[in-house]
C-alpha atoms as a PDB file:
ATOM      1  CA  MET A   1     -24.012   6.323  -0.394  1.00  0.00           C
ATOM      2  CA  GLY A   2     -21.916   3.361  -1.512  1.00  0.00           C
ATOM      3  CA  THR A   3     -20.902   0.374   0.578  1.00  0.00           C
ATOM      4  CA  PRO A   4     -17.663   0.897   2.518  1.00  0.00           C
ATOM      5  CA  ILE A   5     -14.815  -1.373   1.412  1.00  0.00           C
ATOM      6  CA  GLN A   6     -11.354  -2.379   2.493  1.00  0.00           C
ATOM      7  CA  VAL A   7      -8.554  -3.503   0.196  1.00  0.00           C
ATOM      8  CA  VAL A   8      -6.889  -6.791   1.209  1.00  0.00           C
ATOM      9  CA  PHE A   9      -3.362  -7.944   0.368  1.00  0.00           C
ATOM     10  CA  ASP A  10      -2.301 -11.569   0.797  1.00  0.00           C
ATOM     11  CA  CYS A  11       1.378 -11.490   1.736  1.00  0.00           C
ATOM     12  CA  ALA A  12       4.300 -13.125   3.515  1.00  0.00           C
ATOM     13  CA  ASP A  13       5.108 -10.291   5.959  1.00  0.00           C
ATOM     14  CA  PRO A  14       2.043  -8.223   6.911  1.00  0.00           C
ATOM     15  CA  GLY A  15       3.945  -5.860   9.212  1.00  0.00           C
ATOM     16  CA  ALA A  16       6.572  -4.938   6.649  1.00  0.00           C
ATOM     17  CA  LEU A  17       4.107  -4.589   3.779  1.00  0.00           C
ATOM     18  CA  ALA A  18       1.755  -2.472   5.932  1.00  0.00           C
ATOM     19  CA  SER A  19       4.670  -0.155   6.738  1.00  0.00           C
ATOM     20  CA  PHE A  20       5.573   0.178   3.046  1.00  0.00           C
ATOM     21  CA  TRP A  21       2.000   0.975   1.990  1.00  0.00           C
ATOM     22  CA  ALA A  22       1.428   3.348   4.924  1.00  0.00           C
ATOM     23  CA  ASP A  23       4.418   5.340   3.666  1.00  0.00           C
ATOM     24  CA  ALA A  24       3.374   5.044   0.015  1.00  0.00           C
ATOM     25  CA  LEU A  25      -0.186   6.246   0.617  1.00  0.00           C
ATOM     26  CA  GLY A  26       0.313   8.672   3.501  1.00  0.00           C
ATOM     27  CA  TYR A  27      -1.683   6.313   5.741  1.00  0.00           C
ATOM     28  CA  GLU A  28      -0.917   5.169   9.282  1.00  0.00           C
ATOM     29  CA  ILE A  29      -0.734   1.785  10.933  1.00  0.00           C
ATOM     30  CA  GLN A  30      -4.162   1.231  12.462  1.00  0.00           C
ATOM     31  CA  PRO A  31      -3.942   2.061  16.168  1.00  0.00           C
ATOM     32  CA  PRO A  32      -4.747  -0.629  18.739  1.00  0.00           C
ATOM     33  CA  PRO A  33      -8.303  -0.873  20.060  1.00  0.00           C
ATOM     34  CA  GLU A  34      -9.463   1.409  22.836  1.00  0.00           C
ATOM     35  CA  GLY A  35      -8.159   0.292  26.205  1.00  0.00           C
ATOM     36  CA  PHE A  36      -4.783  -0.899  24.865  1.00  0.00           C
ATOM     37  CA  ASP A  37      -1.641   1.213  24.578  1.00  0.00           C
ATOM     38  CA  SER A  38      -0.095  -1.099  21.942  1.00  0.00           C
ATOM     39  CA  TRP A  39      -0.908  -3.990  19.653  1.00  0.00           C
ATOM     40  CA  ASP A  40       1.460  -6.177  21.705  1.00  0.00           C
ATOM     41  CA  ALA A  41      -0.678  -5.491  24.792  1.00  0.00           C
ATOM     42  CA  ALA A  42      -3.909  -6.243  22.909  1.00  0.00           C
ATOM     43  CA  LEU A  43      -2.612  -9.462  21.365  1.00  0.00           C
ATOM     44  CA  THR A  44      -1.246 -10.622  24.720  1.00  0.00           C
ATOM     45  CA  ALA A  45      -4.585  -9.901  26.421  1.00  0.00           C
ATOM     46  CA  TRP A  46      -6.422 -11.830  23.705  1.00  0.00           C
ATOM     47  CA  GLY A  47      -4.116 -14.846  24.134  1.00  0.00           C
ATOM     48  CA  VAL A  48      -2.655 -14.682  20.622  1.00  0.00           C
ATOM     49  CA  PRO A  49       0.628 -16.646  20.546  1.00  0.00           C
ATOM     50  CA  GLU A  50       3.605 -14.364  19.893  1.00  0.00           C
ATOM     51  CA  GLU A  51       4.568 -16.271  16.731  1.00  0.00           C
ATOM     52  CA  ARG A  52       1.189 -15.199  15.243  1.00  0.00           C
ATOM     53  CA  TRP A  53       1.523 -11.465  16.030  1.00  0.00           C
ATOM     54  CA  ASN A  54       2.585 -10.704  12.444  1.00  0.00           C
ATOM     55  CA  ASP A  55      -0.240 -12.676  10.822  1.00  0.00           C
ATOM     56  CA  ARG A  56      -2.242  -9.496  10.176  1.00  0.00           C
ATOM     57  CA  SER A  57      -1.838  -5.754   9.976  1.00  0.00           C
ATOM     58  CA  ALA A  58      -3.904  -2.841   8.705  1.00  0.00           C
ATOM     59  CA  ILE A  59      -3.430   0.763   7.686  1.00  0.00           C
ATOM     60  CA  THR A  60      -5.960   3.571   7.663  1.00  0.00           C
ATOM     61  CA  ASP A  61      -6.305   6.988   6.093  1.00  0.00           C
ATOM     62  CA  PRO A  62      -5.637   9.522   8.870  1.00  0.00           C
ATOM     63  CA  ASP A  63      -8.325  11.779   7.356  1.00  0.00           C
ATOM     64  CA  GLY A  64     -10.849   8.927   7.286  1.00  0.00           C
ATOM     65  CA  ASP A  65     -11.533   9.326   3.556  1.00  0.00           C
ATOM     66  CA  GLY A  66      -9.796   6.360   1.928  1.00  0.00           C
ATOM     67  CA  PRO A  67     -10.475   2.673   2.476  1.00  0.00           C
ATOM     68  CA  ARG A  68      -8.804   0.616   5.181  1.00  0.00           C
ATOM     69  CA  VAL A  69      -6.053  -1.596   3.732  1.00  0.00           C
ATOM     70  CA  PHE A  70      -5.631  -5.005   5.377  1.00  0.00           C
ATOM     71  CA  PHE A  71      -2.620  -7.333   5.098  1.00  0.00           C
ATOM     72  CA  GLN A  72      -2.905 -11.038   5.880  1.00  0.00           C
ATOM     73  CA  ARG A  73      -0.213 -13.679   5.947  1.00  0.00           C
ATOM     74  CA  VAL A  74      -0.745 -16.550   3.519  1.00  0.00           C
ATOM     75  CA  PRO A  75       1.502 -19.600   3.069  1.00  0.00           C
ATOM     76  CA  GLU A  76       1.873 -19.432  -0.715  1.00  0.00           C
ATOM     77  CA  PRO A  77       4.024 -16.867  -2.548  1.00  0.00           C
ATOM     78  CA  LYS A  78       2.737 -14.543  -5.246  1.00  0.00           C
ATOM     79  CA  THR A  79       3.037 -16.384  -8.561  1.00  0.00           C
ATOM     80  CA  VAL A  80       1.213 -14.382 -11.248  1.00  0.00           C
ATOM     81  CA  LYS A  81       0.285 -10.830 -12.205  1.00  0.00           C
ATOM     82  CA  ASN A  82      -2.275  -9.082  -9.998  1.00  0.00           C
ATOM     83  CA  ARG A  83      -5.808  -8.975 -11.388  1.00  0.00           C
ATOM     84  CA  VAL A  84      -6.525  -5.859  -9.288  1.00  0.00           C
ATOM     85  CA  HIS A  85      -3.995  -3.172  -8.452  1.00  0.00           C
ATOM     86  CA  LEU A  86      -3.727   0.248  -6.841  1.00  0.00           C
ATOM     87  CA  ASP A  87      -2.986   3.456  -8.752  1.00  0.00           C
ATOM     88  CA  VAL A  88      -1.035   6.079  -6.836  1.00  0.00           C
ATOM     89  CA  HIS A  89      -2.097   9.457  -8.218  1.00  0.00           C
ATOM     90  CA  ALA A  90       0.928  11.724  -7.943  1.00  0.00           C
ATOM     91  CA  SER A  91       0.810  13.775 -11.147  1.00  0.00           C
ATOM     92  CA  GLY A  92      -1.937  16.261 -10.395  1.00  0.00           C
ATOM     93  CA  GLY A  93      -4.253  14.925 -13.079  1.00  0.00           C
ATOM     94  CA  PRO A  94      -5.037  15.869 -16.668  1.00  0.00           C
ATOM     95  CA  ASP A  95      -5.463  19.588 -15.926  1.00  0.00           C
ATOM     96  CA  THR A  96      -1.789  19.787 -14.912  1.00  0.00           C
ATOM     97  CA  ASP A  97       0.895  20.585 -17.507  1.00  0.00           C
ATOM     98  CA  ARG A  98       2.279  17.380 -19.062  1.00  0.00           C
ATOM     99  CA  GLU A  99       5.911  18.073 -18.094  1.00  0.00           C
ATOM    100  CA  ILE A 100       4.943  18.880 -14.511  1.00  0.00           C
ATOM    101  CA  ARG A 101       2.967  15.606 -14.374  1.00  0.00           C
ATOM    102  CA  ARG A 102       6.016  13.665 -15.607  1.00  0.00           C
ATOM    103  CA  GLU A 103       8.261  15.374 -13.033  1.00  0.00           C
ATOM    104  CA  ARG A 104       5.826  14.574 -10.220  1.00  0.00           C
ATOM    105  CA  VAL A 105       5.551  10.945 -11.307  1.00  0.00           C
ATOM    106  CA  ALA A 106       9.349  10.666 -11.478  1.00  0.00           C
ATOM    107  CA  ALA A 107       9.713  12.164  -7.995  1.00  0.00           C
ATOM    108  CA  GLU A 108       7.120   9.773  -6.546  1.00  0.00           C
ATOM    109  CA  VAL A 109       8.754   6.796  -8.276  1.00  0.00           C
ATOM    110  CA  ALA A 110      12.113   7.765  -6.770  1.00  0.00           C
ATOM    111  CA  ARG A 111      10.545   8.111  -3.307  1.00  0.00           C
ATOM    112  CA  LEU A 112       8.862   4.715  -3.561  1.00  0.00           C
ATOM    113  CA  GLU A 113      12.049   3.067  -4.856  1.00  0.00           C
ATOM    114  CA  ALA A 114      13.832   4.401  -1.757  1.00  0.00           C
ATOM    115  CA  ALA A 115      11.047   2.833   0.350  1.00  0.00           C
ATOM    116  CA  GLY A 116      11.566  -0.604  -1.248  1.00  0.00           C
ATOM    117  CA  ALA A 117       9.521  -0.669  -4.471  1.00  0.00           C
ATOM    118  CA  THR A 118      10.974  -1.477  -7.881  1.00  0.00           C
ATOM    119  CA  VAL A 119      10.179  -0.167 -11.342  1.00  0.00           C
ATOM    120  CA  PHE A 120       8.637  -2.810 -13.567  1.00  0.00           C
ATOM    121  CA  ARG A 121       8.088  -0.671 -16.692  1.00  0.00           C
ATOM    122  CA  GLU A 122       7.267   2.836 -17.892  1.00  0.00           C
ATOM    123  CA  VAL A 123       4.305   3.421 -20.168  1.00  0.00           C
ATOM    124  CA  ASP A 124       3.576   6.266 -22.605  1.00  0.00           C
ATOM    125  CA  GLU A 125       0.237   5.680 -24.247  1.00  0.00           C
ATOM    126  CA  MET A 126      -2.400   7.954 -25.813  1.00  0.00           C
ATOM    127  CA  GLY A 127      -0.853  11.095 -24.316  1.00  0.00           C
ATOM    128  CA  GLU A 128      -0.589   9.616 -20.821  1.00  0.00           C
ATOM    129  CA  HIS A 129       2.478   8.567 -18.847  1.00  0.00           C
ATOM    130  CA  TRP A 130       2.647   6.203 -15.878  1.00  0.00           C
ATOM    131  CA  VAL A 131       5.091   3.838 -14.231  1.00  0.00           C
ATOM    132  CA  VAL A 132       4.225   0.276 -13.266  1.00  0.00           C
ATOM    133  CA  MET A 133       5.999  -0.628 -10.039  1.00  0.00           C
ATOM    134  CA  GLN A 134       6.153  -3.589  -7.677  1.00  0.00           C
ATOM    135  CA  ASP A 135       5.944  -3.343  -3.896  1.00  0.00           C
ATOM    136  CA  PRO A 136       8.499  -5.242  -1.763  1.00  0.00           C
ATOM    137  CA  GLU A 137       6.551  -8.503  -2.248  1.00  0.00           C
ATOM    138  CA  GLY A 138       6.089  -8.088  -6.003  1.00  0.00           C
ATOM    139  CA  ASN A 139       2.511  -6.746  -6.089  1.00  0.00           C
ATOM    140  CA  GLU A 140       2.080  -4.469  -9.099  1.00  0.00           C
ATOM    141  CA  PHE A 141       0.806  -0.916  -8.773  1.00  0.00           C
ATOM    142  CA  CYS A 142       0.935   2.186 -10.958  1.00  0.00           C
ATOM    143  CA  VAL A 143       2.189   5.688 -10.315  1.00  0.00           C
ATOM    144  CA  GLN A 144       0.450   8.186 -12.553  1.00  0.00           C
END
């Protein structure tokens, strides 16, 4: 068995970016720890100043299969292309008819645009089609 991982995003607004990615991936905002009915209650109990409540957020796969995704506030803005990115698999894979794959990618791109992402470019290469997008803070990801 491999080592469990989490994916970490540096960002300006962890709460907003966590909400976007929860929607994009079908994840959920990580629930507060046992004994607390909300994150506000937990953070208050731990003595975290209210102005720091949006310093971190996390999302989890409701089925427990995918990695936890963690969002942390950093002071500097994104300035260059990501060296690592996520691929959102929407097409059904290579065993699916090419036109159906393109339709599924287009539908997912439209859904993610409505959620706040933008299209960066479309790629057709070696019989494959995908769309490079940017999340609300400019992080690149692909829909394929």
